[in-house]
Amino acid sequence: MLYSAFYCGMPALLFKNVCKHFIDCTAVKDVSFTVEKGEFFALLGPNGAGKTTLINCLSGVIKRSGGKIEVFGRDTETDGNFTKKEIGVVEQEIAFDPFLTPLETIRMTRGFFGIPPHEAYLEWILQKLGLFEKRNTRGRSLSGGMKRRLMIAKALSHEPHIVILDEPTAGVDIELRQNLWAFFQELRREKGMTILLTTHYLEEAEALADRIAIIRDGKIAVCEEKSVLLARRKRILEVTNQDGSEESFPIENGENVAQKISDYLVKKPNIQDIRIREPKLEEIFLEVVS
């Protein structure tokens, strides 16, 4: 899982002027951005914006119509054998042989890449994803949440340096979602993995991502550090008075919040509640895509 000297000085992923035309539409239009090694990058957008098309171009499922996509400096079309080994894709749709067990499934997936067996690593994946006790159970007998976890295990089976999470927690319960978040963070922290996430759960991107791009109508509308993106909206000081009336005041960047609260209490000492509302990614997302 460690990066070799070959990877130094270049981004993990590079998209440059990428476009994709279908017969009846252009799904991706002149898209450019990079994902750095070890970064947790979120690609967000409404349905039909072009997210999955970009991922399919990256993984080699479809051919791009123009532009360039590189994985550690190697083109995904002219050097596909290399780039496919470097990437593990967690697809939206659940797809595996229902008659194989989880252990058989990830052994087989690893073998597709011509990589020698590594039972200890495969068992570690199953342990981390809570599938070890079900490792010899036929896939068709697994619960929906376990099937979703098996898709993640498949993507990691060949020890890629980059993992693409395409709606990885769709349809899972809150507890499992939180557990998967912790596991993704561990992969980045302990394994140095680069992660590209697409999701409609904006709180997921807000909790996990270092940098966020929002795609709209096939074009990148914004690509910024999460902290910079959230700073587009001011924090709000919200006050509920004793008579039930409510007031709100924007907090300017660099403003002393404690002093602002103190000044308000001098004017109106009898208040019922006072709180600070932090900017939400959902609000900014809606502004960008509307």
C-alpha atoms as a PDB file:
ATOM      1  CA  MET A   1       0.000   0.000   0.000  1.00  0.00           C
ATOM      2  CA  LEU A   2       2.997   2.344   0.366  1.00  0.00           C
ATOM      3  CA  TYR A   3       3.757   4.699  -2.505  1.00  0.00           C
ATOM      4  CA  SER A   4       6.951   4.040  -4.437  1.00  0.00           C
ATOM      5  CA  ALA A   5       9.371   6.756  -5.550  1.00  0.00           C
ATOM      6  CA  PHE A   6       7.647   6.707  -8.930  1.00  0.00           C
ATOM      7  CA  TYR A   7       4.613   8.497  -7.488  1.00  0.00           C
ATOM      8  CA  CYS A   8       6.502  11.432  -5.998  1.00  0.00           C
ATOM      9  CA  GLY A   9       5.794  14.900  -7.359  1.00  0.00           C
ATOM     10  CA  MET A  10       2.597  14.135  -9.253  1.00  0.00           C
ATOM     11  CA  PRO A  11      -1.102  14.123  -8.356  1.00  0.00           C
ATOM     12  CA  ALA A  12      -2.910  10.846  -7.778  1.00  0.00           C
ATOM     13  CA  LEU A  13      -5.579  11.817 -10.315  1.00  0.00           C
ATOM     14  CA  LEU A  14      -5.571  14.408 -13.063  1.00  0.00           C
ATOM     15  CA  PHE A  15      -8.592  15.386 -15.160  1.00  0.00           C
ATOM     16  CA  LYS A  16      -7.751  17.908 -17.880  1.00  0.00           C
ATOM     17  CA  ASN A  17     -10.339  19.280 -20.319  1.00  0.00           C
ATOM     18  CA  VAL A  18     -12.284  16.019 -20.134  1.00  0.00           C
ATOM     19  CA  CYS A  19     -15.473  15.761 -22.162  1.00  0.00           C
ATOM     20  CA  LYS A  20     -17.842  12.937 -22.987  1.00  0.00           C
ATOM     21  CA  HIS A  21     -20.408  13.036 -25.785  1.00  0.00           C
ATOM     22  CA  PHE A  22     -23.247  10.597 -26.204  1.00  0.00           C
ATOM     23  CA  ILE A  23     -25.570  10.445 -29.213  1.00  0.00           C
ATOM     24  CA  ASP A  24     -28.200  12.658 -27.640  1.00  0.00           C
ATOM     25  CA  CYS A  25     -26.249  14.756 -25.131  1.00  0.00           C
ATOM     26  CA  THR A  26     -22.901  15.929 -23.800  1.00  0.00           C
ATOM     27  CA  ALA A  27     -22.601  14.547 -20.275  1.00  0.00           C
ATOM     28  CA  VAL A  28     -19.194  16.044 -19.367  1.00  0.00           C
ATOM     29  CA  LYS A  29     -17.929  19.384 -20.662  1.00  0.00           C
ATOM     30  CA  ASP A  30     -14.284  20.467 -20.378  1.00  0.00           C
ATOM     31  CA  VAL A  31     -13.770  19.213 -16.801  1.00  0.00           C
ATOM     32  CA  SER A  32     -10.397  19.876 -15.144  1.00  0.00           C
ATOM     33  CA  PHE A  33      -9.237  19.175 -11.582  1.00  0.00           C
ATOM     34  CA  THR A  34      -6.645  17.159  -9.682  1.00  0.00           C
ATOM     35  CA  VAL A  35      -6.754  14.924  -6.616  1.00  0.00           C
ATOM     36  CA  GLU A  36      -3.547  14.861  -4.585  1.00  0.00           C
ATOM     37  CA  LYS A  37      -1.979  11.760  -3.006  1.00  0.00           C
ATOM     38  CA  GLY A  38      -3.580  10.937   0.331  1.00  0.00           C
ATOM     39  CA  GLU A  39      -6.400  13.435  -0.194  1.00  0.00           C
ATOM     40  CA  PHE A  40     -10.068  12.827   0.581  1.00  0.00           C
ATOM     41  CA  PHE A  41     -11.818  14.533  -2.319  1.00  0.00           C
ATOM     42  CA  ALA A  42     -15.607  14.828  -2.747  1.00  0.00           C
ATOM     43  CA  LEU A  43     -17.235  15.230  -6.157  1.00  0.00           C
ATOM     44  CA  LEU A  44     -20.795  16.434  -5.646  1.00  0.00           C
ATOM     45  CA  GLY A  45     -23.661  17.297  -7.944  1.00  0.00           C
ATOM     46  CA  PRO A  46     -27.341  16.651  -8.633  1.00  0.00           C
ATOM     47  CA  ASN A  47     -28.550  13.577 -10.502  1.00  0.00           C
ATOM     48  CA  GLY A  48     -27.437  13.688 -14.124  1.00  0.00           C
ATOM     49  CA  ALA A  49     -24.690  16.239 -13.509  1.00  0.00           C
ATOM     50  CA  GLY A  50     -21.927  13.957 -14.861  1.00  0.00           C
ATOM     51  CA  LYS A  51     -20.386  12.411 -11.730  1.00  0.00           C
ATOM     52  CA  THR A  52     -20.783   8.768 -12.676  1.00  0.00           C
ATOM     53  CA  THR A  53     -19.802   9.472 -16.285  1.00  0.00           C
ATOM     54  CA  LEU A  54     -16.499  10.921 -15.056  1.00  0.00           C
ATOM     55  CA  ILE A  55     -15.900   7.880 -12.848  1.00  0.00           C
ATOM     56  CA  ASN A  56     -16.696   5.529 -15.724  1.00  0.00           C
ATOM     57  CA  CYS A  57     -14.182   7.377 -17.904  1.00  0.00           C
ATOM     58  CA  LEU A  58     -11.594   7.135 -15.120  1.00  0.00           C
ATOM     59  CA  SER A  59     -12.112   3.415 -14.537  1.00  0.00           C
ATOM     60  CA  GLY A  60     -12.188   2.537 -18.232  1.00  0.00           C
ATOM     61  CA  VAL A  61     -15.845   1.489 -18.396  1.00  0.00           C
ATOM     62  CA  ILE A  62     -16.386   4.038 -21.173  1.00  0.00           C
ATOM     63  CA  LYS A  63     -14.003   6.047 -23.368  1.00  0.00           C
ATOM     64  CA  ARG A  64     -13.799   9.786 -22.981  1.00  0.00           C
ATOM     65  CA  SER A  65     -14.505  11.907 -26.057  1.00  0.00           C
ATOM     66  CA  GLY A  66     -11.684  14.348 -25.369  1.00  0.00           C
ATOM     67  CA  GLY A  67      -9.207  15.642 -22.831  1.00  0.00           C
ATOM     68  CA  LYS A  68      -6.890  13.690 -20.591  1.00  0.00           C
ATOM     69  CA  ILE A  69      -7.239  11.524 -17.455  1.00  0.00           C
ATOM     70  CA  GLU A  70      -4.110  10.366 -15.660  1.00  0.00           C
ATOM     71  CA  VAL A  71      -3.469   8.141 -12.648  1.00  0.00           C
ATOM     72  CA  PHE A  72      -0.063   8.947 -11.137  1.00  0.00           C
ATOM     73  CA  GLY A  73       0.969  10.456 -14.462  1.00  0.00           C
ATOM     74  CA  ARG A  74      -0.146   7.509 -16.606  1.00  0.00           C
ATOM     75  CA  ASP A  75      -2.990   7.839 -19.109  1.00  0.00           C
ATOM     76  CA  THR A  76      -6.050   5.700 -18.339  1.00  0.00           C
ATOM     77  CA  GLU A  77      -6.533   4.682 -21.974  1.00  0.00           C
ATOM     78  CA  THR A  78      -2.985   4.212 -23.268  1.00  0.00           C
ATOM     79  CA  ASP A  79      -1.752   2.627 -20.019  1.00  0.00           C
ATOM     80  CA  GLY A  80      -4.954   1.019 -18.782  1.00  0.00           C
ATOM     81  CA  ASN A  81      -3.345  -2.095 -17.290  1.00  0.00           C
ATOM     82  CA  PHE A  82      -1.368   0.072 -14.869  1.00  0.00           C
ATOM     83  CA  THR A  83      -4.140   2.519 -14.001  1.00  0.00           C
ATOM     84  CA  LYS A  84      -6.791  -0.159 -13.384  1.00  0.00           C
ATOM     85  CA  LYS A  85      -4.544  -1.815 -10.790  1.00  0.00           C
ATOM     86  CA  GLU A  86      -4.094   1.477  -8.986  1.00  0.00           C
ATOM     87  CA  ILE A  87      -7.842   2.073  -8.621  1.00  0.00           C
ATOM     88  CA  GLY A  88     -10.539   0.280  -6.662  1.00  0.00           C
ATOM     89  CA  VAL A  89     -14.113   1.301  -7.497  1.00  0.00           C
ATOM     90  CA  VAL A  90     -17.038   0.883  -5.115  1.00  0.00           C
ATOM     91  CA  GLU A  91     -19.913   0.963  -7.576  1.00  0.00           C
ATOM     92  CA  GLN A  92     -23.424   2.233  -6.877  1.00  0.00           C
ATOM     93  CA  GLU A  93     -25.065  -1.000  -7.960  1.00  0.00           C
ATOM     94  CA  ILE A  94     -24.528  -4.170  -5.956  1.00  0.00           C
ATOM     95  CA  ALA A  95     -22.970  -6.745  -8.275  1.00  0.00           C
ATOM     96  CA  PHE A  96     -21.274 -10.007  -7.339  1.00  0.00           C
ATOM     97  CA  ASP A  97     -21.806 -13.741  -7.835  1.00  0.00           C
ATOM     98  CA  PRO A  98     -24.534 -14.677  -5.322  1.00  0.00           C
ATOM     99  CA  PHE A  99     -23.267 -18.260  -5.137  1.00  0.00           C
ATOM    100  CA  LEU A 100     -19.768 -17.277  -3.977  1.00  0.00           C
ATOM    101  CA  THR A 101     -18.893 -16.513  -0.381  1.00  0.00           C
ATOM    102  CA  PRO A 102     -17.385 -13.131   0.583  1.00  0.00           C
ATOM    103  CA  LEU A 103     -13.931 -14.698   0.908  1.00  0.00           C
ATOM    104  CA  GLU A 104     -14.228 -16.426  -2.467  1.00  0.00           C
ATOM    105  CA  THR A 105     -15.477 -13.200  -4.037  1.00  0.00           C
ATOM    106  CA  ILE A 106     -12.537 -11.067  -2.954  1.00  0.00           C
ATOM    107  CA  ARG A 107     -10.036 -13.845  -3.717  1.00  0.00           C
ATOM    108  CA  MET A 108     -11.407 -14.006  -7.248  1.00  0.00           C
ATOM    109  CA  THR A 109     -11.447 -10.212  -7.652  1.00  0.00           C
ATOM    110  CA  ARG A 110      -7.835 -10.008  -6.499  1.00  0.00           C
ATOM    111  CA  GLY A 111      -6.923 -12.725  -9.002  1.00  0.00           C
ATOM    112  CA  PHE A 112      -8.402 -10.710 -11.877  1.00  0.00           C
ATOM    113  CA  PHE A 113      -5.518  -8.252 -11.400  1.00  0.00           C
ATOM    114  CA  GLY A 114      -2.857 -10.970 -11.482  1.00  0.00           C
ATOM    115  CA  ILE A 115      -1.783 -10.213  -7.918  1.00  0.00           C
ATOM    116  CA  PRO A 116      -0.385 -13.038  -5.709  1.00  0.00           C
ATOM    117  CA  PRO A 117      -2.627 -14.332  -2.903  1.00  0.00           C
ATOM    118  CA  HIS A 118      -2.480 -12.538   0.450  1.00  0.00           C
ATOM    119  CA  GLU A 119      -4.889 -14.259   2.819  1.00  0.00           C
ATOM    120  CA  ALA A 120      -3.939 -12.159   5.831  1.00  0.00           C
ATOM    121  CA  TYR A 121      -4.799  -8.958   3.977  1.00  0.00           C
ATOM    122  CA  LEU A 122      -8.119 -10.313   2.702  1.00  0.00           C
ATOM    123  CA  GLU A 123      -9.080 -11.459   6.184  1.00  0.00           C
ATOM    124  CA  TRP A 124      -8.129  -8.014   7.530  1.00  0.00           C
ATOM    125  CA  ILE A 125     -10.547  -6.399   5.065  1.00  0.00           C
ATOM    126  CA  LEU A 126     -13.354  -8.751   6.096  1.00  0.00           C
ATOM    127  CA  GLN A 127     -12.627  -8.102   9.779  1.00  0.00           C
ATOM    128  CA  LYS A 128     -12.688  -4.337   9.303  1.00  0.00           C
ATOM    129  CA  LEU A 129     -15.950  -4.466   7.380  1.00  0.00           C
ATOM    130  CA  GLY A 130     -17.664  -6.827   9.825  1.00  0.00           C
ATOM    131  CA  LEU A 131     -17.850  -9.661   7.295  1.00  0.00           C
ATOM    132  CA  PHE A 132     -15.376 -12.115   8.788  1.00  0.00           C
ATOM    133  CA  GLU A 133     -18.035 -14.184  10.562  1.00  0.00           C
ATOM    134  CA  LYS A 134     -19.895 -14.421   7.243  1.00  0.00           C
ATOM    135  CA  ARG A 135     -16.815 -15.150   5.154  1.00  0.00           C
ATOM    136  CA  ASN A 136     -18.080 -18.641   4.199  1.00  0.00           C
ATOM    137  CA  THR A 137     -21.741 -17.651   3.714  1.00  0.00           C
ATOM    138  CA  ARG A 138     -23.147 -17.534   0.190  1.00  0.00           C
ATOM    139  CA  GLY A 139     -23.541 -13.978  -1.053  1.00  0.00           C
ATOM    140  CA  ARG A 140     -27.240 -14.376  -1.759  1.00  0.00           C
ATOM    141  CA  SER A 141     -27.840 -14.954   1.972  1.00  0.00           C
ATOM    142  CA  LEU A 142     -26.233 -11.682   3.094  1.00  0.00           C
ATOM    143  CA  SER A 143     -28.283  -8.737   4.313  1.00  0.00           C
ATOM    144  CA  GLY A 144     -28.460  -5.537   2.283  1.00  0.00           C
ATOM    145  CA  GLY A 145     -25.909  -3.821   4.502  1.00  0.00           C
ATOM    146  CA  MET A 146     -23.518  -6.765   4.249  1.00  0.00           C
ATOM    147  CA  LYS A 147     -23.821  -6.762   0.457  1.00  0.00           C
ATOM    148  CA  ARG A 148     -22.896  -3.080   0.441  1.00  0.00           C
ATOM    149  CA  ARG A 149     -19.848  -3.841   2.617  1.00  0.00           C
ATOM    150  CA  LEU A 150     -18.859  -6.687   0.303  1.00  0.00           C
ATOM    151  CA  MET A 151     -18.776  -4.206  -2.590  1.00  0.00           C
ATOM    152  CA  ILE A 152     -16.256  -2.164  -0.604  1.00  0.00           C
ATOM    153  CA  ALA A 153     -14.221  -5.301   0.155  1.00  0.00           C
ATOM    154  CA  LYS A 154     -14.139  -6.154  -3.573  1.00  0.00           C
ATOM    155  CA  ALA A 155     -12.802  -2.705  -4.419  1.00  0.00           C
ATOM    156  CA  LEU A 156     -10.004  -3.066  -1.857  1.00  0.00           C
ATOM    157  CA  SER A 157      -9.090  -6.672  -2.595  1.00  0.00           C
ATOM    158  CA  HIS A 158      -6.166  -5.887  -4.918  1.00  0.00           C
ATOM    159  CA  GLU A 159      -4.610  -3.265  -2.574  1.00  0.00           C
ATOM    160  CA  PRO A 160      -5.155  -0.177  -4.747  1.00  0.00           C
ATOM    161  CA  HIS A 161      -3.618   3.192  -3.877  1.00  0.00           C
ATOM    162  CA  ILE A 162      -6.814   5.002  -4.908  1.00  0.00           C
ATOM    163  CA  VAL A 163     -10.388   4.082  -4.031  1.00  0.00           C
ATOM    164  CA  ILE A 164     -13.422   5.566  -5.767  1.00  0.00           C
ATOM    165  CA  LEU A 165     -16.516   5.608  -3.563  1.00  0.00           C
ATOM    166  CA  ASP A 166     -19.583   6.062  -5.778  1.00  0.00           C
ATOM    167  CA  GLU A 167     -22.493   6.470  -3.336  1.00  0.00           C
ATOM    168  CA  PRO A 168     -20.885   3.973  -0.896  1.00  0.00           C
ATOM    169  CA  THR A 169     -23.463   4.299   1.899  1.00  0.00           C
ATOM    170  CA  ALA A 170     -26.648   4.456  -0.178  1.00  0.00           C
ATOM    171  CA  GLY A 171     -29.429   2.596   1.587  1.00  0.00           C
ATOM    172  CA  VAL A 172     -27.525   1.685   4.763  1.00  0.00           C
ATOM    173  CA  ASP A 173     -28.595   2.507   8.306  1.00  0.00           C
ATOM    174  CA  ILE A 174     -27.084   5.304  10.379  1.00  0.00           C
ATOM    175  CA  GLU A 175     -24.906   3.040  12.542  1.00  0.00           C
ATOM    176  CA  LEU A 176     -23.337   1.303   9.543  1.00  0.00           C
ATOM    177  CA  ARG A 177     -22.831   4.633   7.808  1.00  0.00           C
ATOM    178  CA  GLN A 178     -20.908   5.957  10.805  1.00  0.00           C
ATOM    179  CA  ASN A 179     -18.808   2.765  10.925  1.00  0.00           C
ATOM    180  CA  LEU A 180     -17.986   3.047   7.238  1.00  0.00           C
ATOM    181  CA  TRP A 181     -17.004   6.700   7.682  1.00  0.00           C
ATOM    182  CA  ALA A 182     -14.539   5.657  10.386  1.00  0.00           C
ATOM    183  CA  PHE A 183     -13.150   2.913   8.134  1.00  0.00           C
ATOM    184  CA  PHE A 184     -12.659   5.284   5.191  1.00  0.00           C
ATOM    185  CA  GLN A 185     -10.824   7.707   7.471  1.00  0.00           C
ATOM    186  CA  GLU A 186      -8.625   4.854   8.712  1.00  0.00           C
ATOM    187  CA  LEU A 187      -7.752   3.867   5.141  1.00  0.00           C
ATOM    188  CA  ARG A 188      -6.604   7.403   4.449  1.00  0.00           C
ATOM    189  CA  ARG A 189      -4.795   7.830   7.776  1.00  0.00           C
ATOM    190  CA  GLU A 190      -3.163   4.400   8.190  1.00  0.00           C
ATOM    191  CA  LYS A 191      -2.767   3.267   4.567  1.00  0.00           C
ATOM    192  CA  GLY A 192      -2.151   6.636   2.910  1.00  0.00           C
ATOM    193  CA  MET A 193      -4.996   5.932   0.494  1.00  0.00           C
ATOM    194  CA  THR A 194      -6.351   8.562  -1.866  1.00  0.00           C
ATOM    195  CA  ILE A 195     -10.152   8.658  -1.828  1.00  0.00           C
ATOM    196  CA  LEU A 196     -12.572  10.157  -4.351  1.00  0.00           C
ATOM    197  CA  LEU A 197     -16.132  10.239  -3.038  1.00  0.00           C
ATOM    198  CA  THR A 198     -19.421  10.921  -4.772  1.00  0.00           C
ATOM    199  CA  THR A 199     -22.494  11.099  -2.564  1.00  0.00           C
ATOM    200  CA  HIS A 200     -25.919  12.669  -2.205  1.00  0.00           C
ATOM    201  CA  TYR A 201     -25.481  12.685   1.574  1.00  0.00           C
ATOM    202  CA  LEU A 202     -23.930  16.127   1.908  1.00  0.00           C
ATOM    203  CA  GLU A 203     -23.198  15.592   5.609  1.00  0.00           C
ATOM    204  CA  GLU A 204     -20.987  12.698   4.472  1.00  0.00           C
ATOM    205  CA  ALA A 205     -18.877  14.976   2.279  1.00  0.00           C
ATOM    206  CA  GLU A 206     -18.829  17.653   4.979  1.00  0.00           C
ATOM    207  CA  ALA A 207     -17.586  15.161   7.587  1.00  0.00           C
ATOM    208  CA  LEU A 208     -14.954  13.426   5.453  1.00  0.00           C
ATOM    209  CA  ALA A 209     -13.633  15.558   2.600  1.00  0.00           C
ATOM    210  CA  ASP A 210     -10.570  17.804   2.518  1.00  0.00           C
ATOM    211  CA  ARG A 211     -11.603  19.407  -0.764  1.00  0.00           C
ATOM    212  CA  ILE A 212     -14.915  19.547  -2.605  1.00  0.00           C
ATOM    213  CA  ALA A 213     -15.862  19.995  -6.245  1.00  0.00           C
ATOM    214  CA  ILE A 214     -19.447  20.610  -7.323  1.00  0.00           C
ATOM    215  CA  ILE A 215     -20.399  19.654 -10.874  1.00  0.00           C
ATOM    216  CA  ARG A 216     -23.443  21.127 -12.581  1.00  0.00           C
ATOM    217  CA  ASP A 217     -24.635  20.329 -16.105  1.00  0.00           C
ATOM    218  CA  GLY A 218     -21.396  18.517 -16.883  1.00  0.00           C
ATOM    219  CA  LYS A 219     -19.125  21.398 -15.793  1.00  0.00           C
ATOM    220  CA  ILE A 220     -17.198  22.018 -12.580  1.00  0.00           C
ATOM    221  CA  ALA A 221     -18.973  24.956 -10.934  1.00  0.00           C
ATOM    222  CA  VAL A 222     -16.674  25.157  -7.912  1.00  0.00           C
ATOM    223  CA  CYS A 223     -13.607  23.318  -6.600  1.00  0.00           C
ATOM    224  CA  GLU A 224     -12.245  24.494  -3.247  1.00  0.00           C
ATOM    225  CA  GLU A 225     -10.927  23.460   0.123  1.00  0.00           C
ATOM    226  CA  LYS A 226     -13.849  22.539   2.351  1.00  0.00           C
ATOM    227  CA  SER A 227     -13.017  25.281   4.843  1.00  0.00           C
ATOM    228  CA  VAL A 228     -12.921  27.890   2.052  1.00  0.00           C
ATOM    229  CA  LEU A 229     -16.203  26.652   0.614  1.00  0.00           C
ATOM    230  CA  LEU A 230     -17.953  26.761   3.990  1.00  0.00           C
ATOM    231  CA  ALA A 231     -16.578  30.249   4.609  1.00  0.00           C
ATOM    232  CA  ARG A 232     -18.710  31.493   1.711  1.00  0.00           C
ATOM    233  CA  ARG A 233     -21.505  31.730   4.271  1.00  0.00           C
ATOM    234  CA  LYS A 234     -21.152  33.546   7.581  1.00  0.00           C
ATOM    235  CA  ARG A 235     -21.852  32.021  10.950  1.00  0.00           C
ATOM    236  CA  ILE A 236     -25.069  33.312  12.465  1.00  0.00           C
ATOM    237  CA  LEU A 237     -25.689  34.345  16.075  1.00  0.00           C
ATOM    238  CA  GLU A 238     -29.288  33.377  16.870  1.00  0.00           C
ATOM    239  CA  VAL A 239     -31.098  34.702  19.938  1.00  0.00           C
ATOM    240  CA  THR A 240     -34.469  33.781  21.441  1.00  0.00           C
ATOM    241  CA  ASN A 241     -35.759  36.455  23.830  1.00  0.00           C
ATOM    242  CA  GLN A 242     -37.912  35.885  26.893  1.00  0.00           C
ATOM    243  CA  ASP A 243     -41.003  37.075  25.034  1.00  0.00           C
ATOM    244  CA  GLY A 244     -40.405  34.397  22.374  1.00  0.00           C
ATOM    245  CA  SER A 245     -39.189  36.774  19.693  1.00  0.00           C
ATOM    246  CA  GLU A 246     -36.124  35.759  17.715  1.00  0.00           C
ATOM    247  CA  GLU A 247     -33.225  37.743  16.275  1.00  0.00           C
ATOM    248  CA  SER A 248     -30.221  36.757  14.212  1.00  0.00           C
ATOM    249  CA  PHE A 249     -26.938  38.501  13.448  1.00  0.00           C
ATOM    250  CA  PRO A 250     -24.182  37.546  11.007  1.00  0.00           C
ATOM    251  CA  ILE A 251     -20.734  36.970  12.501  1.00  0.00           C
ATOM    252  CA  GLU A 252     -18.101  38.578  10.324  1.00  0.00           C
ATOM    253  CA  ASN A 253     -14.818  36.794   9.623  1.00  0.00           C
ATOM    254  CA  GLY A 254     -12.360  37.606  12.400  1.00  0.00           C
ATOM    255  CA  GLU A 255     -15.027  39.051  14.653  1.00  0.00           C
ATOM    256  CA  ASN A 256     -14.766  38.314  18.381  1.00  0.00           C
ATOM    257  CA  VAL A 257     -17.797  36.097  19.013  1.00  0.00           C
ATOM    258  CA  ALA A 258     -17.566  36.252  22.806  1.00  0.00           C
ATOM    259  CA  GLN A 259     -17.521  40.050  22.649  1.00  0.00           C
ATOM    260  CA  LYS A 260     -20.497  40.079  20.296  1.00  0.00           C
ATOM    261  CA  ILE A 261     -22.497  37.927  22.714  1.00  0.00           C
ATOM    262  CA  SER A 262     -21.405  40.048  25.660  1.00  0.00           C
ATOM    263  CA  ASP A 263     -22.471  43.247  23.907  1.00  0.00           C
ATOM    264  CA  TYR A 264     -25.873  41.774  23.166  1.00  0.00           C
ATOM    265  CA  LEU A 265     -26.378  40.665  26.783  1.00  0.00           C
ATOM    266  CA  VAL A 266     -25.641  44.175  27.997  1.00  0.00           C
ATOM    267  CA  LYS A 267     -28.510  45.471  25.859  1.00  0.00           C
ATOM    268  CA  LYS A 268     -30.868  42.548  26.538  1.00  0.00           C
ATOM    269  CA  PRO A 269     -29.850  40.613  29.658  1.00  0.00           C
ATOM    270  CA  ASN A 270     -33.061  38.559  29.895  1.00  0.00           C
ATOM    271  CA  ILE A 271     -32.853  36.101  27.048  1.00  0.00           C
ATOM    272  CA  GLN A 272     -34.159  32.575  26.780  1.00  0.00           C
ATOM    273  CA  ASP A 273     -31.568  31.057  24.469  1.00  0.00           C
ATOM    274  CA  ILE A 274     -28.497  32.019  22.471  1.00  0.00           C
ATOM    275  CA  ARG A 275     -26.683  29.870  19.925  1.00  0.00           C
ATOM    276  CA  ILE A 276     -24.334  29.986  16.952  1.00  0.00           C
ATOM    277  CA  ARG A 277     -25.417  28.391  13.675  1.00  0.00           C
ATOM    278  CA  GLU A 278     -22.498  27.175  11.610  1.00  0.00           C
ATOM    279  CA  PRO A 279     -22.681  27.314   7.796  1.00  0.00           C
ATOM    280  CA  LYS A 280     -23.862  24.080   6.195  1.00  0.00           C
ATOM    281  CA  LEU A 281     -22.579  22.515   3.002  1.00  0.00           C
ATOM    282  CA  GLU A 282     -26.184  21.828   1.978  1.00  0.00           C
ATOM    283  CA  GLU A 283     -26.939  25.560   1.830  1.00  0.00           C
ATOM    284  CA  ILE A 284     -23.894  26.274  -0.308  1.00  0.00           C
ATOM    285  CA  PHE A 285     -24.594  23.285  -2.571  1.00  0.00           C
ATOM    286  CA  LEU A 286     -28.117  24.531  -3.282  1.00  0.00           C
ATOM    287  CA  GLU A 287     -26.783  27.993  -4.109  1.00  0.00           C
ATOM    288  CA  VAL A 288     -24.270  26.565  -6.590  1.00  0.00           C
ATOM    289  CA  VAL A 289     -26.555  24.140  -8.419  1.00  0.00           C
ATOM    290  CA  SER A 290     -29.706  26.261  -8.510  1.00  0.00           C
END
